[in-house]
């Protein structure tokens, strides 16, 4: 008897969002997603900070306003620059 084919789970569409990472005075990496309200996290390494912000984004994306922002966010180009004052 042949096993039934297992259908892949429906995958969410891939959405790319900008995040900023800055190393603070204590050595932690603080990360923010500027297009979503209340979307901050941190980590001891960049990888940990990115894992943490991904979890936060998934949580705040459940809020209606943030779902609307994500649905309408389609940048053609994104650039980050720093200047010295």
PDB file of N, CA and C in Angstrom:
ATOM      1  N   UNK A   1       0.843  -1.175   0.000  1.00  0.00           N
ATOM      2  CA  UNK A   1       0.000   0.000   0.000  1.00  0.00           C
ATOM      3  C   UNK A   1       0.888   1.237   0.000  1.00  0.00           C
ATOM      4  N   UNK A   2       0.566   2.152  -0.880  1.00  0.00           N
ATOM      5  CA  UNK A   2       1.371   3.368  -1.032  1.00  0.00           C
ATOM      6  C   UNK A   2       0.891   4.437  -0.053  1.00  0.00           C
ATOM      7  N   UNK A   3       1.851   5.134   0.581  1.00  0.00           N
ATOM      8  CA  UNK A   3       1.507   6.223   1.496  1.00  0.00           C
ATOM      9  C   UNK A   3       0.916   7.379   0.707  1.00  0.00           C
ATOM     10  N   UNK A   4      -0.068   8.073   1.288  1.00  0.00           N
ATOM     11  CA  UNK A   4      -0.595   9.252   0.596  1.00  0.00           C
ATOM     12  C   UNK A   4       0.463  10.353   0.563  1.00  0.00           C
ATOM     13  N   UNK A   5       0.427  11.126  -0.490  1.00  0.00           N
ATOM     14  CA  UNK A   5       1.380  12.233  -0.618  1.00  0.00           C
ATOM     15  C   UNK A   5       1.113  13.264   0.467  1.00  0.00           C
ATOM     16  N   UNK A   6       2.161  13.773   1.043  1.00  0.00           N
ATOM     17  CA  UNK A   6       2.036  14.812   2.060  1.00  0.00           C
ATOM     18  C   UNK A   6       2.143  16.152   1.354  1.00  0.00           C
ATOM     19  N   UNK A   7       1.117  16.956   1.479  1.00  0.00           N
ATOM     20  CA  UNK A   7       1.121  18.266   0.847  1.00  0.00           C
ATOM     21  C   UNK A   7       1.895  19.247   1.704  1.00  0.00           C
ATOM     22  N   UNK A   8       2.683  20.095   1.089  1.00  0.00           N
ATOM     23  CA  UNK A   8       3.414  21.097   1.883  1.00  0.00           C
ATOM     24  C   UNK A   8       2.441  22.081   2.507  1.00  0.00           C
ATOM     25  N   UNK A   9       2.816  22.565   3.678  1.00  0.00           N
ATOM     26  CA  UNK A   9       1.991  23.576   4.328  1.00  0.00           C
ATOM     27  C   UNK A   9       1.981  24.825   3.475  1.00  0.00           C
ATOM     28  N   UNK A  10       0.862  25.523   3.499  1.00  0.00           N
ATOM     29  CA  UNK A  10       0.784  26.771   2.750  1.00  0.00           C
ATOM     30  C   UNK A  10       1.786  27.745   3.351  1.00  0.00           C
ATOM     31  N   UNK A  11       2.640  28.281   2.520  1.00  0.00           N
ATOM     32  CA  UNK A  11       3.689  29.166   2.989  1.00  0.00           C
ATOM     33  C   UNK A  11       3.250  30.614   2.839  1.00  0.00           C
ATOM     34  N   UNK A  12       3.542  31.388   3.870  1.00  0.00           N
ATOM     35  CA  UNK A  12       3.286  32.817   3.782  1.00  0.00           C
ATOM     36  C   UNK A  12       4.197  33.392   2.716  1.00  0.00           C
ATOM     37  N   UNK A  13       3.755  34.462   2.097  1.00  0.00           N
ATOM     38  CA  UNK A  13       4.645  35.084   1.121  1.00  0.00           C
ATOM     39  C   UNK A  13       5.798  35.738   1.862  1.00  0.00           C
ATOM     40  N   UNK A  14       6.932  35.731   1.235  1.00  0.00           N
ATOM     41  CA  UNK A  14       8.115  36.325   1.844  1.00  0.00           C
ATOM     42  C   UNK A  14       7.991  37.841   1.810  1.00  0.00           C
ATOM     43  N   UNK A  15       8.132  38.444   2.954  1.00  0.00           N
ATOM     44  CA  UNK A  15       8.073  39.896   3.069  1.00  0.00           C
ATOM     45  C   UNK A  15       9.401  40.357   3.634  1.00  0.00           C
ATOM     46  N   UNK A  16      10.038  41.274   2.956  1.00  0.00           N
ATOM     47  CA  UNK A  16      11.284  41.825   3.457  1.00  0.00           C
ATOM     48  C   UNK A  16      10.992  43.149   4.148  1.00  0.00           C
ATOM     49  N   UNK A  17      11.544  43.309   5.343  1.00  0.00           N
ATOM     50  CA  UNK A  17      11.366  44.550   6.086  1.00  0.00           C
ATOM     51  C   UNK A  17      12.741  45.061   6.514  1.00  0.00           C
ATOM     52  N   UNK A  18      12.881  46.374   6.609  1.00  0.00           N
ATOM     53  CA  UNK A  18      14.169  46.918   7.039  1.00  0.00           C
ATOM     54  C   UNK A  18      14.344  46.794   8.551  1.00  0.00           C
ATOM     55  N   UNK A  19      15.568  46.568   8.966  1.00  0.00           N
ATOM     56  CA  UNK A  19      15.911  46.615  10.389  1.00  0.00           C
ATOM     57  C   UNK A  19      17.219  47.377  10.522  1.00  0.00           C
ATOM     58  N   UNK A  20      17.335  48.078  11.628  1.00  0.00           N
ATOM     59  CA  UNK A  20      18.567  48.795  11.957  1.00  0.00           C
ATOM     60  C   UNK A  20      19.198  48.081  13.136  1.00  0.00           C
ATOM     61  N   UNK A  21      20.502  47.941  13.092  1.00  0.00           N
ATOM     62  CA  UNK A  21      21.231  47.324  14.199  1.00  0.00           C
ATOM     63  C   UNK A  21      22.312  48.296  14.649  1.00  0.00           C
ATOM     64  N   UNK A  22      22.376  48.480  15.954  1.00  0.00           N
ATOM     65  CA  UNK A  22      23.389  49.369  16.524  1.00  0.00           C
ATOM     66  C   UNK A  22      23.957  48.705  17.776  1.00  0.00           C
ATOM     67  N   UNK A  23      25.249  48.738  17.914  1.00  0.00           N
ATOM     68  CA  UNK A  23      25.884  48.182  19.108  1.00  0.00           C
ATOM     69  C   UNK A  23      25.869  49.250  20.190  1.00  0.00           C
ATOM     70  N   UNK A  24      25.317  48.898  21.363  1.00  0.00           N
ATOM     71  CA  UNK A  24      25.220  49.892  22.438  1.00  0.00           C
ATOM     72  C   UNK A  24      26.473  49.908  23.300  1.00  0.00           C
ATOM     73  N   UNK A  25      26.492  50.792  24.282  1.00  0.00           N
ATOM     74  CA  UNK A  25      27.675  50.974  25.125  1.00  0.00           C
ATOM     75  C   UNK A  25      27.977  49.758  25.997  1.00  0.00           C
ATOM     76  N   UNK A  26      26.985  48.871  26.187  1.00  0.00           N
ATOM     77  CA  UNK A  26      27.194  47.659  26.974  1.00  0.00           C
ATOM     78  C   UNK A  26      27.613  46.468  26.117  1.00  0.00           C
ATOM     79  N   UNK A  27      27.743  46.689  24.800  1.00  0.00           N
ATOM     80  CA  UNK A  27      28.162  45.615  23.908  1.00  0.00           C
ATOM     81  C   UNK A  27      27.033  44.800  23.312  1.00  0.00           C
ATOM     82  N   UNK A  28      25.774  45.142  23.643  1.00  0.00           N
ATOM     83  CA  UNK A  28      24.627  44.439  23.069  1.00  0.00           C
ATOM     84  C   UNK A  28      24.273  45.057  21.718  1.00  0.00           C
ATOM     85  N   UNK A  29      23.717  44.234  20.851  1.00  0.00           N
ATOM     86  CA  UNK A  29      23.235  44.718  19.562  1.00  0.00           C
ATOM     87  C   UNK A  29      21.742  45.008  19.696  1.00  0.00           C
ATOM     88  N   UNK A  30      21.382  46.265  19.500  1.00  0.00           N
ATOM     89  CA  UNK A  30      19.992  46.703  19.599  1.00  0.00           C
ATOM     90  C   UNK A  30      19.462  46.785  18.177  1.00  0.00           C
ATOM     91  N   UNK A  31      18.327  46.170  17.943  1.00  0.00           N
ATOM     92  CA  UNK A  31      17.768  46.103  16.593  1.00  0.00           C
ATOM     93  C   UNK A  31      16.337  46.639  16.597  1.00  0.00           C
ATOM     94  N   UNK A  32      16.002  47.356  15.535  1.00  0.00           N
ATOM     95  CA  UNK A  32      14.690  47.990  15.409  1.00  0.00           C
ATOM     96  C   UNK A  32      14.168  47.784  13.999  1.00  0.00           C
ATOM     97  N   UNK A  33      12.876  47.545  13.883  1.00  0.00           N
ATOM     98  CA  UNK A  33      12.207  47.550  12.582  1.00  0.00           C
ATOM     99  C   UNK A  33      11.424  48.864  12.523  1.00  0.00           C
ATOM    100  N   UNK A  34      11.921  49.858  11.783  1.00  0.00           N
ATOM    101  CA  UNK A  34      11.348  51.206  11.853  1.00  0.00           C
ATOM    102  C   UNK A  34       9.951  51.362  11.242  1.00  0.00           C
ATOM    103  N   UNK A  35       9.514  50.406  10.445  1.00  0.00           N
ATOM    104  CA  UNK A  35       8.189  50.568   9.824  1.00  0.00           C
ATOM    105  C   UNK A  35       7.066  50.022  10.697  1.00  0.00           C
ATOM    106  N   UNK A  36       7.402  49.306  11.763  1.00  0.00           N
ATOM    107  CA  UNK A  36       6.387  48.716  12.639  1.00  0.00           C
ATOM    108  C   UNK A  36       6.469  49.334  14.028  1.00  0.00           C
ATOM    109  N   UNK A  37       5.324  49.696  14.574  1.00  0.00           N
ATOM    110  CA  UNK A  37       5.290  50.303  15.907  1.00  0.00           C
ATOM    111  C   UNK A  37       5.705  49.297  16.978  1.00  0.00           C
ATOM    112  N   UNK A  38       6.540  49.755  17.899  1.00  0.00           N
ATOM    113  CA  UNK A  38       6.926  48.935  19.046  1.00  0.00           C
ATOM    114  C   UNK A  38       7.766  47.732  18.694  1.00  0.00           C
ATOM    115  N   UNK A  39       8.564  47.829  17.668  1.00  0.00           N
ATOM    116  CA  UNK A  39       9.301  46.677  17.170  1.00  0.00           C
ATOM    117  C   UNK A  39      10.791  46.840  17.443  1.00  0.00           C
ATOM    118  N   UNK A  40      11.216  46.429  18.637  1.00  0.00           N
ATOM    119  CA  UNK A  40      12.601  46.536  19.087  1.00  0.00           C
ATOM    120  C   UNK A  40      13.021  45.221  19.720  1.00  0.00           C
ATOM    121  N   UNK A  41      14.302  44.942  19.685  1.00  0.00           N
ATOM    122  CA  UNK A  41      14.836  43.800  20.415  1.00  0.00           C
ATOM    123  C   UNK A  41      16.336  43.998  20.569  1.00  0.00           C
ATOM    124  N   UNK A  42      17.011  42.986  21.110  1.00  0.00           N
ATOM    125  CA  UNK A  42      18.449  43.063  21.289  1.00  0.00           C
ATOM    126  C   UNK A  42      19.017  41.662  21.358  1.00  0.00           C
ATOM    127  N   UNK A  43      20.335  41.573  21.316  1.00  0.00           N
ATOM    128  CA  UNK A  43      21.016  40.290  21.456  1.00  0.00           C
ATOM    129  C   UNK A  43      22.485  40.506  21.728  1.00  0.00           C
ATOM    130  N   UNK A  44      23.130  39.477  22.228  1.00  0.00           N
ATOM    131  CA  UNK A  44      24.567  39.562  22.503  1.00  0.00           C
ATOM    132  C   UNK A  44      25.381  39.532  21.208  1.00  0.00           C
ATOM    133  N   UNK A  45      24.815  38.928  20.158  1.00  0.00           N
ATOM    134  CA  UNK A  45      25.458  38.888  18.841  1.00  0.00           C
ATOM    135  C   UNK A  45      24.470  39.419  17.814  1.00  0.00           C
ATOM    136  N   UNK A  46      24.966  39.737  16.623  1.00  0.00           N
ATOM    137  CA  UNK A  46      24.076  40.187  15.547  1.00  0.00           C
ATOM    138  C   UNK A  46      23.082  39.079  15.207  1.00  0.00           C
ATOM    139  N   UNK A  47      23.555  37.840  15.121  1.00  0.00           N
ATOM    140  CA  UNK A  47      22.657  36.724  14.793  1.00  0.00           C
ATOM    141  C   UNK A  47      21.552  36.574  15.830  1.00  0.00           C
ATOM    142  N   UNK A  48      21.912  36.681  17.112  1.00  0.00           N
ATOM    143  CA  UNK A  48      20.906  36.572  18.166  1.00  0.00           C
ATOM    144  C   UNK A  48      19.915  37.729  18.080  1.00  0.00           C
ATOM    145  N   UNK A  49      20.411  38.927  17.828  1.00  0.00           N
ATOM    146  CA  UNK A  49      19.524  40.089  17.704  1.00  0.00           C
ATOM    147  C   UNK A  49      18.560  39.910  16.533  1.00  0.00           C
ATOM    148  N   UNK A  50      19.043  39.376  15.416  1.00  0.00           N
ATOM    149  CA  UNK A  50      18.168  39.158  14.256  1.00  0.00           C
ATOM    150  C   UNK A  50      17.134  38.068  14.523  1.00  0.00           C
ATOM    151  N   UNK A  51      17.520  37.008  15.219  1.00  0.00           N
ATOM    152  CA  UNK A  51      16.537  35.974  15.594  1.00  0.00           C
ATOM    153  C   UNK A  51      15.467  36.587  16.498  1.00  0.00           C
ATOM    154  N   UNK A  52      15.900  37.408  17.449  1.00  0.00           N
ATOM    155  CA  UNK A  52      14.958  38.011  18.388  1.00  0.00           C
ATOM    156  C   UNK A  52      14.007  38.980  17.695  1.00  0.00           C
ATOM    157  N   UNK A  53      14.515  39.798  16.772  1.00  0.00           N
ATOM    158  CA  UNK A  53      13.639  40.768  16.111  1.00  0.00           C
ATOM    159  C   UNK A  53      12.654  40.046  15.199  1.00  0.00           C
ATOM    160  N   UNK A  54      13.064  38.937  14.616  1.00  0.00           N
ATOM    161  CA  UNK A  54      12.142  38.161  13.779  1.00  0.00           C
ATOM    162  C   UNK A  54      10.930  37.712  14.606  1.00  0.00           C
ATOM    163  N   UNK A  55      11.179  37.256  15.832  1.00  0.00           N
ATOM    164  CA  UNK A  55      10.080  36.850  16.727  1.00  0.00           C
ATOM    165  C   UNK A  55       9.186  38.035  17.055  1.00  0.00           C
ATOM    166  N   UNK A  56       9.791  39.190  17.345  1.00  0.00           N
ATOM    167  CA  UNK A  56       9.014  40.388  17.672  1.00  0.00           C
ATOM    168  C   UNK A  56       8.177  40.812  16.469  1.00  0.00           C
ATOM    169  N   UNK A  57       8.771  40.784  15.283  1.00  0.00           N
ATOM    170  CA  UNK A  57       8.027  41.164  14.073  1.00  0.00           C
ATOM    171  C   UNK A  57       6.819  40.252  13.886  1.00  0.00           C
ATOM    172  N   UNK A  58       7.006  38.950  14.081  1.00  0.00           N
ATOM    173  CA  UNK A  58       5.886  38.016  13.948  1.00  0.00           C
ATOM    174  C   UNK A  58       4.779  38.327  14.954  1.00  0.00           C
ATOM    175  N   UNK A  59       5.151  38.745  16.159  1.00  0.00           N
ATOM    176  CA  UNK A  59       4.143  39.084  17.172  1.00  0.00           C
ATOM    177  C   UNK A  59       3.407  40.385  16.842  1.00  0.00           C
ATOM    178  N   UNK A  60       4.157  41.441  16.533  1.00  0.00           N
ATOM    179  CA  UNK A  60       3.502  42.727  16.275  1.00  0.00           C
ATOM    180  C   UNK A  60       2.765  42.730  14.940  1.00  0.00           C
ATOM    181  N   UNK A  61       3.122  41.810  14.041  1.00  0.00           N
ATOM    182  CA  UNK A  61       2.446  41.724  12.749  1.00  0.00           C
ATOM    183  C   UNK A  61       0.999  41.244  12.894  1.00  0.00           C
ATOM    184  N   UNK A  62       0.650  40.738  14.066  1.00  0.00           N
ATOM    185  CA  UNK A  62      -0.726  40.319  14.314  1.00  0.00           C
ATOM    186  C   UNK A  62      -1.645  41.516  14.552  1.00  0.00           C
ATOM    187  N   UNK A  63      -1.084  42.657  14.885  1.00  0.00           N
ATOM    188  CA  UNK A  63      -1.887  43.854  15.131  1.00  0.00           C
ATOM    189  C   UNK A  63      -2.364  44.424  13.797  1.00  0.00           C
ATOM    190  N   UNK A  64      -3.599  44.893  13.783  1.00  0.00           N
ATOM    191  CA  UNK A  64      -4.222  45.351  12.543  1.00  0.00           C
ATOM    192  C   UNK A  64      -3.399  46.432  11.839  1.00  0.00           C
ATOM    193  N   UNK A  65      -2.986  47.433  12.563  1.00  0.00           N
ATOM    194  CA  UNK A  65      -2.235  48.531  11.936  1.00  0.00           C
ATOM    195  C   UNK A  65      -0.952  48.025  11.298  1.00  0.00           C
ATOM    196  N   UNK A  66      -0.242  47.149  11.985  1.00  0.00           N
ATOM    197  CA  UNK A  66       1.001  46.619  11.442  1.00  0.00           C
ATOM    198  C   UNK A  66       0.763  45.692  10.252  1.00  0.00           C
ATOM    199  N   UNK A  67      -0.340  44.945  10.251  1.00  0.00           N
ATOM    200  CA  UNK A  67      -0.687  44.130   9.077  1.00  0.00           C
ATOM    201  C   UNK A  67      -0.899  45.023   7.869  1.00  0.00           C
ATOM    202  N   UNK A  68      -1.552  46.160   8.081  1.00  0.00           N
ATOM    203  CA  UNK A  68      -1.787  47.100   6.986  1.00  0.00           C
ATOM    204  C   UNK A  68      -0.468  47.675   6.469  1.00  0.00           C
ATOM    205  N   UNK A  69       0.435  48.004   7.393  1.00  0.00           N
ATOM    206  CA  UNK A  69       1.744  48.533   6.991  1.00  0.00           C
ATOM    207  C   UNK A  69       2.483  47.492   6.154  1.00  0.00           C
ATOM    208  N   UNK A  70       2.517  46.259   6.611  1.00  0.00           N
ATOM    209  CA  UNK A  70       3.220  45.207   5.882  1.00  0.00           C
ATOM    210  C   UNK A  70       2.607  44.964   4.503  1.00  0.00           C
ATOM    211  N   UNK A  71       1.286  45.026   4.425  1.00  0.00           N
ATOM    212  CA  UNK A  71       0.618  44.793   3.138  1.00  0.00           C
ATOM    213  C   UNK A  71       0.935  45.891   2.137  1.00  0.00           C
ATOM    214  N   UNK A  72       1.170  47.098   2.612  1.00  0.00           N
ATOM    215  CA  UNK A  72       1.394  48.216   1.703  1.00  0.00           C
ATOM    216  C   UNK A  72       2.876  48.576   1.530  1.00  0.00           C
ATOM    217  N   UNK A  73       3.760  47.872   2.204  1.00  0.00           N
ATOM    218  CA  UNK A  73       5.188  48.202   2.155  1.00  0.00           C
ATOM    219  C   UNK A  73       5.851  47.522   0.957  1.00  0.00           C
ATOM    220  N   UNK A  74       6.217  48.315  -0.032  1.00  0.00           N
ATOM    221  CA  UNK A  74       6.869  47.789  -1.235  1.00  0.00           C
ATOM    222  C   UNK A  74       7.943  48.767  -1.713  1.00  0.00           C
ATOM    223  N   UNK A  75       9.038  48.907  -0.980  1.00  0.00           N
ATOM    224  CA  UNK A  75      10.060  49.868  -1.398  1.00  0.00           C
ATOM    225  C   UNK A  75      10.777  49.393  -2.662  1.00  0.00           C
ATOM    226  N   UNK A  76      11.152  50.331  -3.464  1.00  0.00           N
ATOM    227  CA  UNK A  76      11.941  49.988  -4.651  1.00  0.00           C
ATOM    228  C   UNK A  76      13.421  50.003  -4.321  1.00  0.00           C
ATOM    229  N   UNK A  77      13.769  50.818  -3.351  1.00  0.00           N
ATOM    230  CA  UNK A  77      15.169  50.918  -2.960  1.00  0.00           C
ATOM    231  C   UNK A  77      15.221  51.366  -1.513  1.00  0.00           C
ATOM    232  N   UNK A  78      16.195  50.888  -0.787  1.00  0.00           N
ATOM    233  CA  UNK A  78      16.375  51.265   0.606  1.00  0.00           C
ATOM    234  C   UNK A  78      17.854  51.499   0.838  1.00  0.00           C
ATOM    235  N   UNK A  79      18.163  52.590   1.496  1.00  0.00           N
ATOM    236  CA  UNK A  79      19.556  52.930   1.723  1.00  0.00           C
ATOM    237  C   UNK A  79      19.704  53.530   3.106  1.00  0.00           C
ATOM    238  N   UNK A  80      20.776  53.208   3.789  1.00  0.00           N
ATOM    239  CA  UNK A  80      21.068  53.764   5.105  1.00  0.00           C
ATOM    240  C   UNK A  80      22.460  54.385   5.039  1.00  0.00           C
ATOM    241  N   UNK A  81      22.553  55.598   5.487  1.00  0.00           N
ATOM    242  CA  UNK A  81      23.822  56.305   5.485  1.00  0.00           C
ATOM    243  C   UNK A  81      24.049  56.929   6.842  1.00  0.00           C
ATOM    244  N   UNK A  82      25.289  57.131   7.176  1.00  0.00           N
ATOM    245  CA  UNK A  82      25.631  57.876   8.383  1.00  0.00           C
ATOM    246  C   UNK A  82      26.447  59.080   7.986  1.00  0.00           C
ATOM    247  N   UNK A  83      26.316  60.133   8.774  1.00  0.00           N
ATOM    248  CA  UNK A  83      27.116  61.323   8.557  1.00  0.00           C
ATOM    249  C   UNK A  83      27.776  61.701   9.874  1.00  0.00           C
ATOM    250  N   UNK A  84      28.874  62.369   9.806  1.00  0.00           N
ATOM    251  CA  UNK A  84      29.569  62.822  10.997  1.00  0.00           C
ATOM    252  C   UNK A  84      29.258  64.287  11.200  1.00  0.00           C
ATOM    253  N   UNK A  85      28.861  64.631  12.413  1.00  0.00           N
ATOM    254  CA  UNK A  85      28.555  66.018  12.749  1.00  0.00           C
ATOM    255  C   UNK A  85      29.671  66.623  13.562  1.00  0.00           C
TER     256      UNK A  85
END
